[in-house]
Amino acid sequence: PGCRRCADVPAVADRRPLQRATGGEEPTALLAGRRILDMDRYVPAYFAIINNRLSRGASRLYLRRFGIGVTEWRLVAMLALEPDIPAARACEYLGMDKALVSRALRRLDGLGHLKAGSNGRRRTWRLSERGEALYDEILDVALQREARLLAGVSPAQKEAFLAVARQMMANLPLVEDGDAAG
């Protein structure tokens, strides 16, 4: 993984004299006798770098073309999938902070992209006609970006990646429980 400006720079492992852990199971290496994290083998690094770059690019593009950022787009996509939900459901599904979701909902509502409702005590949200039109416009752009990201990836590789990603999502409670215990 590396930054866009460093695209031509070899991977970390190619630039430093790392002694890789045997078997390749552990994402650590030795550098001058010290155990270090081998970023070329550490899965969370790839997720973070890919997500950061995709999100940054999407935010710039969506702000310029549609007047909303990637956080608002994720909420619009969520509400297209699951209308009439409370903010807490969006937070849970998207893994976003409540304050971030609240700000994005206020912004989308202020732009006329949402309709508020209620299911008992909780306020719920759905896309307005304007929000549905926005969703339709951005969806094509989002799918084009995904296609470019997956260039050179076979359908079988995509399915294998999705299977692994789904398992990782299922494992998140184990990580969170470990974090809470430690």
Foldseek 3Di string as FASTA:
>chain_A
DDDPVCVVPDAPPVPAVWADDPPLPAQWTAGPNDIDGNLVSDVVNVVVVVVVVVQVVQQVVCCVPPVGGPLLLLVLVVQVVPFFAFLVVSCVVVVDDSVSSVVSVVVCVVVVQWDWDDDPPGITIHGDPVSVVSNVVVVVVVVVVVCVVCVPPDPVNVVVVVVVVVVVVVCVVVVVVVVVVD
